[in-house]
């Protein structure tokens, strides 16, 4: 297990994605190399980076994009992690078995070992986000991964709106939660609602950082996918928040970019000393939260 007070550097790869999975994998590889060359030790890619965001439609033919774990993507990322001596968080469209698919992220340690995987638990079903057609809900809970450089946790996109999972990651000793993401605007809504949606997205994740005294790293894609008036404009803005909710780095809205940010676990301790939310939790009073709804 890594030392609990050792600093570590994370790399966030904000990229656009093409239709060709091989093109996307090649781009991800050189972006990981770029991040490692700038000192990143743990590098995270965006959600479903091997393809365009295919959940904009319900099309059974798109299940052909899925792959097993281990599989081609994990093999490439494992080789790269071993060569560069970096940890890689790599999202994958996982084919678990015939008819069973997951939105997954693998965690590969700096020696190339597959430490494990996280399967997205919260699955949306909204216009242009038809994920329930493709993905079964994750069944692995909120695992933590002891990488060479830090204990980390991973959530995926829609998970980022739920405080329970971030709390579980913090209680399990993670220093940082990575949120690989594919989120953007419906172009027709952008003028009226765009700034509010983006602000809410940033605010809720900074709230997780503050409430749990933990680092948060959100890793989004960029670019318009689909027709100009009926597709999705991914809004970028990948960022890292420290345990006090300060954004220590933020990418732009419409450009590919690789962020490299140093994280200091001593800030986790400092935040929790000043704001002892974990100390003051009333764990004896929270059982009702396990219900879908509290009847009056």
C-alpha atoms as a PDB file:
ATOM      1  CA  UNK A   1       0.000   0.000   0.000  1.00  0.00           C
ATOM      2  CA  UNK A   2       1.339   3.506  -0.810  1.00  0.00           C
ATOM      3  CA  UNK A   3       2.340   5.820   2.008  1.00  0.00           C
ATOM      4  CA  UNK A   4      -0.703   7.752   3.181  1.00  0.00           C
ATOM      5  CA  UNK A   5       1.172  11.075   3.150  1.00  0.00           C
ATOM      6  CA  UNK A   6       3.052  10.782  -0.163  1.00  0.00           C
ATOM      7  CA  UNK A   7       2.164  13.336  -2.808  1.00  0.00           C
ATOM      8  CA  UNK A   8       1.065  12.013  -6.187  1.00  0.00           C
ATOM      9  CA  UNK A   9       0.381  13.557  -9.597  1.00  0.00           C
ATOM     10  CA  UNK A  10      -2.723  12.841 -11.647  1.00  0.00           C
ATOM     11  CA  UNK A  11      -3.206  13.271 -15.367  1.00  0.00           C
ATOM     12  CA  UNK A  12      -6.639  13.995 -16.856  1.00  0.00           C
ATOM     13  CA  UNK A  13      -7.006  13.328 -20.580  1.00  0.00           C
ATOM     14  CA  UNK A  14      -9.724  15.528 -22.098  1.00  0.00           C
ATOM     15  CA  UNK A  15     -10.158  14.431 -25.715  1.00  0.00           C
ATOM     16  CA  UNK A  16     -12.597  14.298 -28.593  1.00  0.00           C
ATOM     17  CA  UNK A  17     -13.628  10.887 -29.881  1.00  0.00           C
ATOM     18  CA  UNK A  18     -14.041   9.662 -33.445  1.00  0.00           C
ATOM     19  CA  UNK A  19     -16.079   6.786 -34.868  1.00  0.00           C
ATOM     20  CA  UNK A  20     -13.012   4.587 -35.344  1.00  0.00           C
ATOM     21  CA  UNK A  21     -12.126   2.799 -32.065  1.00  0.00           C
ATOM     22  CA  UNK A  22      -8.528   2.260 -33.179  1.00  0.00           C
ATOM     23  CA  UNK A  23      -8.096   5.958 -33.853  1.00  0.00           C
ATOM     24  CA  UNK A  24      -9.365   6.766 -30.371  1.00  0.00           C
ATOM     25  CA  UNK A  25      -7.109   4.190 -28.738  1.00  0.00           C
ATOM     26  CA  UNK A  26      -4.089   5.584 -30.594  1.00  0.00           C
ATOM     27  CA  UNK A  27      -4.960   9.123 -29.482  1.00  0.00           C
ATOM     28  CA  UNK A  28      -5.423   7.980 -25.893  1.00  0.00           C
ATOM     29  CA  UNK A  29      -2.033   6.295 -25.994  1.00  0.00           C
ATOM     30  CA  UNK A  30      -0.137   9.385 -27.059  1.00  0.00           C
ATOM     31  CA  UNK A  31      -2.090  11.522 -24.588  1.00  0.00           C
ATOM     32  CA  UNK A  32      -1.106   9.110 -21.798  1.00  0.00           C
ATOM     33  CA  UNK A  33       2.490   9.384 -22.968  1.00  0.00           C
ATOM     34  CA  UNK A  34       2.167  13.161 -22.862  1.00  0.00           C
ATOM     35  CA  UNK A  35       0.798  13.070 -19.316  1.00  0.00           C
ATOM     36  CA  UNK A  36       3.517  10.689 -18.145  1.00  0.00           C
ATOM     37  CA  UNK A  37       6.165  12.869 -19.774  1.00  0.00           C
ATOM     38  CA  UNK A  38       4.896  15.786 -17.706  1.00  0.00           C
ATOM     39  CA  UNK A  39       5.140  13.801 -14.492  1.00  0.00           C
ATOM     40  CA  UNK A  40       1.669  12.275 -14.127  1.00  0.00           C
ATOM     41  CA  UNK A  41       1.613   9.055 -12.097  1.00  0.00           C
ATOM     42  CA  UNK A  42      -2.112   8.203 -12.317  1.00  0.00           C
ATOM     43  CA  UNK A  43      -3.765   8.931 -15.679  1.00  0.00           C
ATOM     44  CA  UNK A  44      -7.524   8.826 -16.303  1.00  0.00           C
ATOM     45  CA  UNK A  45      -9.304   8.711 -19.669  1.00  0.00           C
ATOM     46  CA  UNK A  46     -12.889   9.852 -20.403  1.00  0.00           C
ATOM     47  CA  UNK A  47     -15.911   7.567 -20.235  1.00  0.00           C
ATOM     48  CA  UNK A  48     -16.318   5.178 -23.212  1.00  0.00           C
ATOM     49  CA  UNK A  49     -13.339   6.782 -24.941  1.00  0.00           C
ATOM     50  CA  UNK A  50     -12.964   4.031 -27.569  1.00  0.00           C
ATOM     51  CA  UNK A  51     -15.929   5.347 -29.571  1.00  0.00           C
ATOM     52  CA  UNK A  52     -18.248   8.246 -30.043  1.00  0.00           C
ATOM     53  CA  UNK A  53     -20.883   8.346 -27.320  1.00  0.00           C
ATOM     54  CA  UNK A  54     -23.117   5.724 -28.931  1.00  0.00           C
ATOM     55  CA  UNK A  55     -25.901   5.931 -26.328  1.00  0.00           C
ATOM     56  CA  UNK A  56     -27.431   8.833 -28.279  1.00  0.00           C
ATOM     57  CA  UNK A  57     -29.597   6.149 -29.930  1.00  0.00           C
ATOM     58  CA  UNK A  58     -30.960   2.681 -29.213  1.00  0.00           C
ATOM     59  CA  UNK A  59     -29.283   0.488 -31.798  1.00  0.00           C
ATOM     60  CA  UNK A  60     -28.646  -3.195 -31.106  1.00  0.00           C
ATOM     61  CA  UNK A  61     -25.894  -3.239 -33.715  1.00  0.00           C
ATOM     62  CA  UNK A  62     -23.762  -1.030 -31.465  1.00  0.00           C
ATOM     63  CA  UNK A  63     -23.311  -3.862 -28.970  1.00  0.00           C
ATOM     64  CA  UNK A  64     -20.551  -4.940 -31.370  1.00  0.00           C
ATOM     65  CA  UNK A  65     -18.411  -2.169 -29.855  1.00  0.00           C
ATOM     66  CA  UNK A  66     -18.224  -4.075 -26.560  1.00  0.00           C
ATOM     67  CA  UNK A  67     -15.261  -6.205 -25.533  1.00  0.00           C
ATOM     68  CA  UNK A  68     -14.339  -8.531 -22.672  1.00  0.00           C
ATOM     69  CA  UNK A  69     -12.144  -7.638 -19.726  1.00  0.00           C
ATOM     70  CA  UNK A  70      -9.314  -8.524 -20.109  1.00  0.00           C
ATOM     71  CA  UNK A  71      -9.483  -7.677 -23.786  1.00  0.00           C
ATOM     72  CA  UNK A  72      -7.902  -5.509 -26.490  1.00  0.00           C
ATOM     73  CA  UNK A  73      -8.184  -2.215 -24.595  1.00  0.00           C
ATOM     74  CA  UNK A  74      -6.900  -3.569 -21.298  1.00  0.00           C
ATOM     75  CA  UNK A  75      -4.033  -5.337 -23.045  1.00  0.00           C
ATOM     76  CA  UNK A  76      -2.921  -2.110 -24.731  1.00  0.00           C
ATOM     77  CA  UNK A  77      -3.279  -0.053 -21.561  1.00  0.00           C
ATOM     78  CA  UNK A  78      -1.477  -2.678 -19.456  1.00  0.00           C
ATOM     79  CA  UNK A  79       1.481  -2.661 -21.820  1.00  0.00           C
ATOM     80  CA  UNK A  80       1.561   1.133 -21.722  1.00  0.00           C
ATOM     81  CA  UNK A  81       1.295   1.292 -17.922  1.00  0.00           C
ATOM     82  CA  UNK A  82       4.169  -1.169 -17.590  1.00  0.00           C
ATOM     83  CA  UNK A  83       6.330   0.757 -20.058  1.00  0.00           C
ATOM     84  CA  UNK A  84       5.664   4.205 -18.583  1.00  0.00           C
ATOM     85  CA  UNK A  85       5.338   3.063 -14.950  1.00  0.00           C
ATOM     86  CA  UNK A  86       2.019   4.871 -14.535  1.00  0.00           C
ATOM     87  CA  UNK A  87      -1.379   3.863 -13.224  1.00  0.00           C
ATOM     88  CA  UNK A  88      -4.146   4.041 -15.836  1.00  0.00           C
ATOM     89  CA  UNK A  89      -7.899   4.359 -15.264  1.00  0.00           C
ATOM     90  CA  UNK A  90      -9.353   3.106 -18.535  1.00  0.00           C
ATOM     91  CA  UNK A  91     -13.097   3.125 -19.301  1.00  0.00           C
ATOM     92  CA  UNK A  92     -14.358   0.147 -21.316  1.00  0.00           C
ATOM     93  CA  UNK A  93     -17.672  -0.946 -22.863  1.00  0.00           C
ATOM     94  CA  UNK A  94     -17.542  -4.351 -21.191  1.00  0.00           C
ATOM     95  CA  UNK A  95     -19.066  -7.518 -22.625  1.00  0.00           C
ATOM     96  CA  UNK A  96     -19.445  -9.604 -19.492  1.00  0.00           C
ATOM     97  CA  UNK A  97     -21.324 -12.394 -21.219  1.00  0.00           C
ATOM     98  CA  UNK A  98     -23.942 -12.980 -23.911  1.00  0.00           C
ATOM     99  CA  UNK A  99     -26.522 -10.226 -23.446  1.00  0.00           C
ATOM    100  CA  UNK A 100     -24.860  -8.762 -20.337  1.00  0.00           C
ATOM    101  CA  UNK A 101     -22.926  -5.524 -20.811  1.00  0.00           C
ATOM    102  CA  UNK A 102     -21.551  -2.896 -18.449  1.00  0.00           C
ATOM    103  CA  UNK A 103     -20.194   0.644 -18.550  1.00  0.00           C
ATOM    104  CA  UNK A 104     -16.900  -0.142 -16.839  1.00  0.00           C
ATOM    105  CA  UNK A 105     -13.571   1.360 -15.848  1.00  0.00           C
ATOM    106  CA  UNK A 106     -10.485  -0.781 -15.302  1.00  0.00           C
ATOM    107  CA  UNK A 107      -7.655   0.206 -12.985  1.00  0.00           C
ATOM    108  CA  UNK A 108      -4.214  -0.889 -14.136  1.00  0.00           C
ATOM    109  CA  UNK A 109      -1.259  -0.493 -11.792  1.00  0.00           C
ATOM    110  CA  UNK A 110       2.106   0.935 -12.749  1.00  0.00           C
ATOM    111  CA  UNK A 111       3.539  -2.528 -13.355  1.00  0.00           C
ATOM    112  CA  UNK A 112       0.807  -3.366 -15.854  1.00  0.00           C
ATOM    113  CA  UNK A 113      -1.270  -5.481 -13.459  1.00  0.00           C
ATOM    114  CA  UNK A 114      -5.052  -5.287 -13.700  1.00  0.00           C
ATOM    115  CA  UNK A 115      -5.979  -4.317 -10.140  1.00  0.00           C
ATOM    116  CA  UNK A 116      -9.697  -4.611 -10.769  1.00  0.00           C
ATOM    117  CA  UNK A 117     -12.629  -2.810 -12.243  1.00  0.00           C
ATOM    118  CA  UNK A 118     -15.591  -0.651 -11.381  1.00  0.00           C
ATOM    119  CA  UNK A 119     -18.969  -1.047 -13.080  1.00  0.00           C
ATOM    120  CA  UNK A 120     -21.179   2.030 -13.311  1.00  0.00           C
ATOM    121  CA  UNK A 121     -24.015   1.693 -10.805  1.00  0.00           C
ATOM    122  CA  UNK A 122     -26.341   4.558 -11.714  1.00  0.00           C
ATOM    123  CA  UNK A 123     -27.597   4.177 -15.278  1.00  0.00           C
ATOM    124  CA  UNK A 124     -29.421   7.143 -16.884  1.00  0.00           C
ATOM    125  CA  UNK A 125     -32.250   7.064 -19.384  1.00  0.00           C
ATOM    126  CA  UNK A 126     -32.721  10.545 -20.830  1.00  0.00           C
ATOM    127  CA  UNK A 127     -32.958  12.005 -24.327  1.00  0.00           C
ATOM    128  CA  UNK A 128     -29.659  11.201 -26.094  1.00  0.00           C
ATOM    129  CA  UNK A 129     -28.460   9.318 -22.987  1.00  0.00           C
ATOM    130  CA  UNK A 130     -30.203   5.989 -23.530  1.00  0.00           C
ATOM    131  CA  UNK A 131     -27.838   3.988 -21.365  1.00  0.00           C
ATOM    132  CA  UNK A 132     -30.394   1.590 -19.883  1.00  0.00           C
ATOM    133  CA  UNK A 133     -30.708   0.050 -23.354  1.00  0.00           C
ATOM    134  CA  UNK A 134     -27.033  -0.956 -23.254  1.00  0.00           C
ATOM    135  CA  UNK A 135     -25.825  -1.370 -19.675  1.00  0.00           C
ATOM    136  CA  UNK A 136     -26.754  -3.517 -16.717  1.00  0.00           C
ATOM    137  CA  UNK A 137     -26.204  -1.719 -13.395  1.00  0.00           C
ATOM    138  CA  UNK A 138     -22.874  -2.353 -11.742  1.00  0.00           C
ATOM    139  CA  UNK A 139     -22.737  -4.976  -9.007  1.00  0.00           C
ATOM    140  CA  UNK A 140     -19.300  -4.428  -7.479  1.00  0.00           C
ATOM    141  CA  UNK A 141     -20.186  -1.664  -5.038  1.00  0.00           C
ATOM    142  CA  UNK A 142     -17.590   1.079  -4.567  1.00  0.00           C
ATOM    143  CA  UNK A 143     -14.199  -0.637  -4.581  1.00  0.00           C
ATOM    144  CA  UNK A 144     -11.006   1.122  -3.638  1.00  0.00           C
ATOM    145  CA  UNK A 145      -7.756   0.354  -5.411  1.00  0.00           C
ATOM    146  CA  UNK A 146      -4.338   0.425  -3.774  1.00  0.00           C
ATOM    147  CA  UNK A 147      -2.219   1.623  -6.679  1.00  0.00           C
ATOM    148  CA  UNK A 148       1.518   2.176  -6.489  1.00  0.00           C
ATOM    149  CA  UNK A 149       0.997   5.865  -5.764  1.00  0.00           C
ATOM    150  CA  UNK A 150      -2.311   6.259  -3.884  1.00  0.00           C
ATOM    151  CA  UNK A 151      -5.497   4.553  -2.823  1.00  0.00           C
ATOM    152  CA  UNK A 152      -8.127   5.648  -5.337  1.00  0.00           C
ATOM    153  CA  UNK A 153     -11.783   5.093  -6.159  1.00  0.00           C
ATOM    154  CA  UNK A 154     -13.602   5.387  -9.487  1.00  0.00           C
ATOM    155  CA  UNK A 155     -17.147   6.391 -10.369  1.00  0.00           C
ATOM    156  CA  UNK A 156     -18.537   7.007 -13.856  1.00  0.00           C
ATOM    157  CA  UNK A 157     -20.514  10.036 -15.095  1.00  0.00           C
ATOM    158  CA  UNK A 158     -24.101   9.747 -13.794  1.00  0.00           C
ATOM    159  CA  UNK A 159     -22.643   8.368 -10.530  1.00  0.00           C
ATOM    160  CA  UNK A 160     -21.208  11.833  -9.922  1.00  0.00           C
ATOM    161  CA  UNK A 161     -24.605  13.199  -8.916  1.00  0.00           C
ATOM    162  CA  UNK A 162     -24.981  10.778  -5.977  1.00  0.00           C
ATOM    163  CA  UNK A 163     -23.305  11.665  -2.670  1.00  0.00           C
ATOM    164  CA  UNK A 164     -23.594   8.173  -1.191  1.00  0.00           C
ATOM    165  CA  UNK A 165     -20.935   6.605  -3.401  1.00  0.00           C
ATOM    166  CA  UNK A 166     -18.425   9.403  -2.799  1.00  0.00           C
ATOM    167  CA  UNK A 167     -18.957   8.997   0.945  1.00  0.00           C
ATOM    168  CA  UNK A 168     -18.306   5.254   0.703  1.00  0.00           C
ATOM    169  CA  UNK A 169     -15.093   5.917  -1.219  1.00  0.00           C
ATOM    170  CA  UNK A 170     -13.906   8.323   1.482  1.00  0.00           C
ATOM    171  CA  UNK A 171     -14.822   5.974   4.314  1.00  0.00           C
ATOM    172  CA  UNK A 172     -12.830   3.277   2.530  1.00  0.00           C
ATOM    173  CA  UNK A 173      -9.687   5.381   2.678  1.00  0.00           C
ATOM    174  CA  UNK A 174      -9.485   6.674  -0.900  1.00  0.00           C
ATOM    175  CA  UNK A 175      -7.547   9.910  -1.313  1.00  0.00           C
ATOM    176  CA  UNK A 176      -9.194  10.749  -4.637  1.00  0.00           C
ATOM    177  CA  UNK A 177     -12.276   9.806  -6.646  1.00  0.00           C
ATOM    178  CA  UNK A 178     -11.982   9.796 -10.429  1.00  0.00           C
ATOM    179  CA  UNK A 179     -15.119  10.498 -12.473  1.00  0.00           C
ATOM    180  CA  UNK A 180     -14.562   9.591 -16.137  1.00  0.00           C
ATOM    181  CA  UNK A 181     -17.432  11.313 -17.902  1.00  0.00           C
ATOM    182  CA  UNK A 182     -19.272  11.978 -21.157  1.00  0.00           C
ATOM    183  CA  UNK A 183     -21.538  14.929 -20.481  1.00  0.00           C
ATOM    184  CA  UNK A 184     -22.625  17.849 -22.591  1.00  0.00           C
ATOM    185  CA  UNK A 185     -25.378  20.091 -23.823  1.00  0.00           C
ATOM    186  CA  UNK A 186     -28.276  19.419 -26.131  1.00  0.00           C
ATOM    187  CA  UNK A 187     -27.517  22.251 -28.598  1.00  0.00           C
ATOM    188  CA  UNK A 188     -31.118  23.465 -28.544  1.00  0.00           C
ATOM    189  CA  UNK A 189     -30.949  23.895 -24.751  1.00  0.00           C
ATOM    190  CA  UNK A 190     -27.510  25.435 -24.463  1.00  0.00           C
ATOM    191  CA  UNK A 191     -28.424  29.126 -24.699  1.00  0.00           C
ATOM    192  CA  UNK A 192     -31.160  28.914 -22.071  1.00  0.00           C
ATOM    193  CA  UNK A 193     -29.886  26.260 -19.679  1.00  0.00           C
ATOM    194  CA  UNK A 194     -26.239  25.634 -20.533  1.00  0.00           C
ATOM    195  CA  UNK A 195     -24.522  27.748 -17.907  1.00  0.00           C
ATOM    196  CA  UNK A 196     -26.823  26.461 -15.160  1.00  0.00           C
ATOM    197  CA  UNK A 197     -26.230  22.820 -16.127  1.00  0.00           C
ATOM    198  CA  UNK A 198     -22.471  23.233 -16.224  1.00  0.00           C
ATOM    199  CA  UNK A 199     -22.408  25.068 -12.899  1.00  0.00           C
ATOM    200  CA  UNK A 200     -24.509  22.343 -11.259  1.00  0.00           C
ATOM    201  CA  UNK A 201     -22.158  19.653 -12.571  1.00  0.00           C
ATOM    202  CA  UNK A 202     -19.102  21.374 -11.147  1.00  0.00           C
ATOM    203  CA  UNK A 203     -20.825  22.294  -7.887  1.00  0.00           C
ATOM    204  CA  UNK A 204     -22.085  18.844  -6.977  1.00  0.00           C
ATOM    205  CA  UNK A 205     -18.647  17.277  -7.451  1.00  0.00           C
ATOM    206  CA  UNK A 206     -16.892  20.017  -5.502  1.00  0.00           C
ATOM    207  CA  UNK A 207     -19.506  19.324  -2.837  1.00  0.00           C
ATOM    208  CA  UNK A 208     -18.387  15.693  -2.684  1.00  0.00           C
ATOM    209  CA  UNK A 209     -14.818  16.878  -2.178  1.00  0.00           C
ATOM    210  CA  UNK A 210     -15.834  19.225   0.641  1.00  0.00           C
ATOM    211  CA  UNK A 211     -18.269  16.890   2.410  1.00  0.00           C
ATOM    212  CA  UNK A 212     -15.750  14.057   2.456  1.00  0.00           C
ATOM    213  CA  UNK A 213     -12.422  15.868   2.653  1.00  0.00           C
ATOM    214  CA  UNK A 214     -11.194  14.166  -0.515  1.00  0.00           C
ATOM    215  CA  UNK A 215      -9.791  15.025  -3.933  1.00  0.00           C
ATOM    216  CA  UNK A 216     -12.150  14.762  -6.915  1.00  0.00           C
ATOM    217  CA  UNK A 217     -11.086  14.510 -10.557  1.00  0.00           C
ATOM    218  CA  UNK A 218     -13.693  14.855 -13.326  1.00  0.00           C
ATOM    219  CA  UNK A 219     -12.514  13.805 -16.812  1.00  0.00           C
ATOM    220  CA  UNK A 220     -14.809  14.765 -19.707  1.00  0.00           C
ATOM    221  CA  UNK A 221     -14.641  14.627 -23.515  1.00  0.00           C
ATOM    222  CA  UNK A 222     -15.087  17.515 -25.963  1.00  0.00           C
ATOM    223  CA  UNK A 223     -16.631  18.034 -29.371  1.00  0.00           C
ATOM    224  CA  UNK A 224     -20.010  17.818 -31.103  1.00  0.00           C
ATOM    225  CA  UNK A 225     -21.218  14.294 -31.832  1.00  0.00           C
ATOM    226  CA  UNK A 226     -24.267  13.793 -34.002  1.00  0.00           C
ATOM    227  CA  UNK A 227     -26.151  16.313 -36.144  1.00  0.00           C
ATOM    228  CA  UNK A 228     -25.668  20.000 -35.250  1.00  0.00           C
ATOM    229  CA  UNK A 229     -29.203  20.458 -33.912  1.00  0.00           C
ATOM    230  CA  UNK A 230     -29.777  16.958 -32.617  1.00  0.00           C
ATOM    231  CA  UNK A 231     -26.493  15.759 -31.197  1.00  0.00           C
ATOM    232  CA  UNK A 232     -24.530  16.405 -28.039  1.00  0.00           C
ATOM    233  CA  UNK A 233     -21.949  19.128 -27.534  1.00  0.00           C
ATOM    234  CA  UNK A 234     -19.632  17.786 -24.859  1.00  0.00           C
ATOM    235  CA  UNK A 235     -18.588  20.602 -22.610  1.00  0.00           C
ATOM    236  CA  UNK A 236     -15.083  19.646 -21.495  1.00  0.00           C
ATOM    237  CA  UNK A 237     -14.194  21.544 -18.317  1.00  0.00           C
ATOM    238  CA  UNK A 238     -12.327  18.579 -16.835  1.00  0.00           C
ATOM    239  CA  UNK A 239     -11.068  19.615 -13.416  1.00  0.00           C
ATOM    240  CA  UNK A 240      -9.487  18.619 -10.130  1.00  0.00           C
ATOM    241  CA  UNK A 241     -10.954  19.806  -6.828  1.00  0.00           C
ATOM    242  CA  UNK A 242      -8.958  19.679  -3.615  1.00  0.00           C
ATOM    243  CA  UNK A 243     -10.551  18.608  -0.286  1.00  0.00           C
ATOM    244  CA  UNK A 244     -11.601  22.204   0.433  1.00  0.00           C
ATOM    245  CA  UNK A 245     -13.508  22.414  -2.875  1.00  0.00           C
ATOM    246  CA  UNK A 246     -10.938  24.604  -4.625  1.00  0.00           C
ATOM    247  CA  UNK A 247     -10.509  23.795  -8.315  1.00  0.00           C
ATOM    248  CA  UNK A 248      -6.749  23.459  -8.604  1.00  0.00           C
ATOM    249  CA  UNK A 249      -6.902  22.959 -12.398  1.00  0.00           C
ATOM    250  CA  UNK A 250      -9.584  23.229 -15.065  1.00  0.00           C
ATOM    251  CA  UNK A 251      -9.576  22.491 -18.781  1.00  0.00           C
ATOM    252  CA  UNK A 252     -11.292  24.582 -21.440  1.00  0.00           C
ATOM    253  CA  UNK A 253     -14.748  24.030 -22.868  1.00  0.00           C
ATOM    254  CA  UNK A 254     -13.952  23.124 -26.460  1.00  0.00           C
ATOM    255  CA  UNK A 255     -10.336  21.981 -26.724  1.00  0.00           C
ATOM    256  CA  UNK A 256      -8.477  18.763 -26.167  1.00  0.00           C
ATOM    257  CA  UNK A 257      -6.220  19.163 -23.183  1.00  0.00           C
ATOM    258  CA  UNK A 258      -4.179  17.116 -20.721  1.00  0.00           C
ATOM    259  CA  UNK A 259      -4.145  18.363 -17.139  1.00  0.00           C
ATOM    260  CA  UNK A 260      -1.407  17.282 -14.732  1.00  0.00           C
ATOM    261  CA  UNK A 261      -2.071  18.134 -11.096  1.00  0.00           C
ATOM    262  CA  UNK A 262      -0.229  17.347  -7.871  1.00  0.00           C
ATOM    263  CA  UNK A 263      -2.337  16.034  -4.988  1.00  0.00           C
ATOM    264  CA  UNK A 264      -1.180  16.078  -1.378  1.00  0.00           C
ATOM    265  CA  UNK A 265      -2.886  13.585   0.987  1.00  0.00           C
ATOM    266  CA  UNK A 266      -1.904  15.809   3.878  1.00  0.00           C
ATOM    267  CA  UNK A 267      -4.611  18.173   2.642  1.00  0.00           C
ATOM    268  CA  UNK A 268      -7.114  15.371   3.238  1.00  0.00           C
ATOM    269  CA  UNK A 269      -6.039  15.258   6.871  1.00  0.00           C
ATOM    270  CA  UNK A 270      -6.019  19.051   7.153  1.00  0.00           C
ATOM    271  CA  UNK A 271      -9.506  19.413   5.683  1.00  0.00           C
ATOM    272  CA  UNK A 272     -10.944  16.798   8.001  1.00  0.00           C
ATOM    273  CA  UNK A 273      -9.372  18.439  11.024  1.00  0.00           C
ATOM    274  CA  UNK A 274     -10.863  21.808  10.168  1.00  0.00           C
ATOM    275  CA  UNK A 275     -14.219  20.460   8.953  1.00  0.00           C
ATOM    276  CA  UNK A 276     -14.740  17.210  10.924  1.00  0.00           C
ATOM    277  CA  UNK A 277     -17.805  16.060   8.999  1.00  0.00           C
ATOM    278  CA  UNK A 278     -16.793  12.396   9.229  1.00  0.00           C
ATOM    279  CA  UNK A 279     -16.337  12.655  12.986  1.00  0.00           C
ATOM    280  CA  UNK A 280     -19.768  14.188  13.524  1.00  0.00           C
ATOM    281  CA  UNK A 281     -21.777  11.806  11.349  1.00  0.00           C
ATOM    282  CA  UNK A 282     -24.789  10.314  13.150  1.00  0.00           C
ATOM    283  CA  UNK A 283     -24.412   6.789  11.848  1.00  0.00           C
ATOM    284  CA  UNK A 284     -27.082   5.630  14.308  1.00  0.00           C
ATOM    285  CA  UNK A 285     -29.696   7.796  12.554  1.00  0.00           C
ATOM    286  CA  UNK A 286     -29.159   7.034   8.872  1.00  0.00           C
ATOM    287  CA  UNK A 287     -30.846   3.645   8.416  1.00  0.00           C
ATOM    288  CA  UNK A 288     -33.909   5.188   6.683  1.00  0.00           C
ATOM    289  CA  UNK A 289     -31.735   6.224   3.755  1.00  0.00           C
ATOM    290  CA  UNK A 290     -31.818   2.603   2.619  1.00  0.00           C
ATOM    291  CA  UNK A 291     -35.489   3.026   1.703  1.00  0.00           C
ATOM    292  CA  UNK A 292     -36.612   4.223  -1.732  1.00  0.00           C
ATOM    293  CA  UNK A 293     -38.957   6.753  -0.093  1.00  0.00           C
ATOM    294  CA  UNK A 294     -39.993   7.672   3.421  1.00  0.00           C
ATOM    295  CA  UNK A 295     -43.746   7.447   3.790  1.00  0.00           C
ATOM    296  CA  UNK A 296     -45.247  10.102   5.986  1.00  0.00           C
END
